[in-house]
Amino acid sequence: MHELNDSAIHFISKEQYDRALSLLQKAQTLLDRLMFQRNAMDRFLIQCTMHNMALCFQKMGALEECSLCLDACLTQISSPYVERLYKSDPPRKLKRLKYECKIHMQVCALLSQLNRHQEALCHAKRSVQIS
């Protein structure tokens, strides 16, 4: 799993987004099969995979797909499971909130590009609420 993500990051750095996306989609398929295991490492891998897929889709101009991946990232990072995991550790909680805020702003910009301004505004407001 880690190898697929590491290889994908390598292709992203070389701007070979189609190859990176292919590896990330393989990782996503494997992760979907492992979803029954609800541990922190699985959640982290899912988050990394989805965020990297969003990057690839965005660079390839597939903005709707990018939006779906970022929505999955938001769902994952704001899930009760993840919130409980970070609640007792203030520095980690702050890092999670910062990441969630950044994703909301990224979704806001993306939705604005897609002329979905009302939805974009909701994400901008949510980002401000978090910060």
Protein backbone atom coordinates (compact mmCIF):
# COMPACT_ATOMS: atom_id res chain seq x y z
CA MET A 1 0.00 0.00 0.00
CA HIS A 2 2.71 2.44 1.00
CA GLU A 3 4.70 1.49 -2.07
CA LEU A 4 1.81 2.42 -4.36
CA ASN A 5 1.46 5.82 -2.69
CA ASP A 6 5.21 6.43 -2.72
CA SER A 7 5.43 5.53 -6.40
CA ALA A 8 2.46 7.76 -7.16
CA ILE A 9 4.13 10.69 -5.38
CA HIS A 10 7.22 10.06 -7.49
CA PHE A 11 5.15 10.29 -10.69
CA ILE A 12 3.36 13.41 -9.38
CA SER A 13 6.71 15.09 -8.82
CA LYS A 14 7.57 14.31 -12.45
CA GLU A 15 4.16 15.67 -13.56
CA GLN A 16 3.14 12.24 -14.87
CA TYR A 17 -0.34 12.49 -13.42
CA ASP A 18 -1.94 9.74 -15.48
CA ARG A 19 0.58 7.18 -14.21
CA ALA A 20 0.25 8.45 -10.65
CA LEU A 21 -3.52 8.29 -10.84
CA SER A 22 -3.39 4.70 -12.06
CA LEU A 23 -1.34 3.69 -9.02
CA LEU A 24 -3.57 5.65 -6.66
CA GLN A 25 -6.67 4.00 -8.05
CA LYS A 26 -5.07 0.59 -7.41
CA ALA A 27 -4.34 1.70 -3.85
CA GLN A 28 -7.91 2.89 -3.45
CA THR A 29 -9.24 -0.49 -4.59
CA LEU A 30 -7.05 -2.25 -2.02
CA LEU A 31 -8.09 0.19 0.68
CA ASP A 32 -11.76 -0.35 -0.12
CA ARG A 33 -11.24 -4.03 0.56
CA LEU A 34 -9.57 -3.25 3.89
CA MET A 35 -12.17 -0.76 5.13
CA PHE A 36 -13.45 -3.19 7.72
CA GLN A 37 -10.21 -2.65 9.63
CA ARG A 38 -10.83 0.68 11.34
CA ASN A 39 -7.42 1.63 12.63
CA ALA A 40 -5.57 4.94 12.39
CA MET A 41 -3.08 3.76 9.78
CA ASP A 42 -5.86 2.71 7.40
CA ARG A 43 -7.50 6.13 7.82
CA PHE A 44 -4.21 7.89 7.14
CA LEU A 45 -3.62 5.85 3.99
CA ILE A 46 -7.12 6.54 2.73
CA GLN A 47 -6.65 10.24 3.37
CA CYS A 48 -3.30 10.37 1.55
CA THR A 49 -4.61 8.35 -1.37
CA MET A 50 -7.71 10.50 -1.83
CA HIS A 51 -5.80 13.76 -1.51
CA ASN A 52 -3.19 12.65 -4.03
CA MET A 53 -5.94 11.51 -6.40
CA ALA A 54 -7.54 14.95 -6.06
CA LEU A 55 -4.24 16.55 -7.00
CA CYS A 56 -3.88 14.35 -10.08
CA PHE A 57 -7.45 14.99 -11.20
CA GLN A 58 -6.99 18.73 -10.72
CA LYS A 59 -3.76 18.79 -12.73
CA MET A 60 -5.42 16.74 -15.47
CA GLY A 61 -8.38 19.14 -15.59
CA ALA A 62 -10.91 16.61 -14.26
CA LEU A 63 -12.37 19.07 -11.76
CA GLU A 64 -15.57 17.16 -10.93
CA GLU A 65 -13.53 14.06 -10.02
CA CYS A 66 -11.16 16.24 -8.02
CA SER A 67 -14.14 17.64 -6.13
CA LEU A 68 -15.37 14.15 -5.29
CA CYS A 69 -11.97 13.16 -3.91
CA LEU A 70 -11.75 16.31 -1.80
CA ASP A 71 -15.25 15.67 -0.46
CA ALA A 72 -14.07 12.19 0.54
CA CYS A 73 -11.10 13.80 2.31
CA LEU A 74 -13.44 16.09 4.22
CA THR A 75 -15.69 13.21 5.18
CA GLN A 76 -12.71 11.25 6.40
CA ILE A 77 -11.01 14.04 8.36
CA SER A 78 -14.20 15.16 10.08
CA SER A 79 -15.47 11.69 10.93
CA PRO A 80 -16.26 10.98 14.60
CA TYR A 81 -13.59 8.27 14.59
CA VAL A 82 -10.84 10.68 13.52
CA GLU A 83 -12.09 13.42 15.84
CA ARG A 84 -11.94 11.03 18.82
CA LEU A 85 -8.45 9.97 17.79
CA TYR A 86 -7.11 13.55 17.86
CA LYS A 87 -9.25 14.99 20.67
CA SER A 88 -6.90 14.11 23.53
CA ASP A 89 -3.77 15.43 21.80
CA PRO A 90 -4.01 19.24 21.31
CA PRO A 91 -1.09 19.60 18.85
CA ARG A 92 -2.48 16.81 16.66
CA LYS A 93 -5.99 18.24 16.93
CA LEU A 94 -4.70 21.63 15.77
CA LYS A 95 -2.93 19.99 12.83
CA ARG A 96 -6.14 18.15 11.88
CA LEU A 97 -8.17 21.35 12.04
CA LYS A 98 -5.60 23.20 9.94
CA TYR A 99 -5.74 20.44 7.33
CA GLU A 100 -9.55 20.45 7.33
CA CYS A 101 -9.54 24.23 6.90
CA LYS A 102 -7.15 23.97 3.94
CA ILE A 103 -9.29 21.31 2.26
CA HIS A 104 -12.39 23.48 2.62
CA MET A 105 -10.57 26.37 0.96
CA GLN A 106 -9.31 24.08 -1.80
CA VAL A 107 -12.88 22.83 -2.39
CA CYS A 108 -14.11 26.43 -2.37
CA ALA A 109 -11.66 27.42 -5.12
CA LEU A 110 -12.45 24.31 -7.13
CA LEU A 111 -16.23 24.76 -6.92
CA SER A 112 -15.84 28.39 -7.91
CA GLN A 113 -13.98 27.24 -11.05
CA LEU A 114 -16.95 24.99 -11.77
CA ASN A 115 -19.33 27.98 -11.39
CA ARG A 116 -20.87 26.41 -8.28
CA HIS A 117 -20.49 29.58 -6.27
CA GLN A 118 -23.12 28.93 -3.59
CA GLU A 119 -21.47 25.63 -2.65
CA ALA A 120 -18.08 27.36 -2.78
CA LEU A 121 -19.32 30.00 -0.37
CA CYS A 122 -20.46 27.31 2.09
CA HIS A 123 -16.98 25.79 2.12
CA ALA A 124 -15.35 29.21 2.57
CA LYS A 125 -17.63 29.91 5.53
CA ARG A 126 -16.87 26.51 7.04
CA SER A 127 -13.15 27.16 6.69
CA VAL A 128 -13.52 30.47 8.53
CA GLN A 129 -15.54 28.77 11.28
CA ILE A 130 -12.81 26.19 11.78
CA SER A 131 -10.04 28.77 11.91
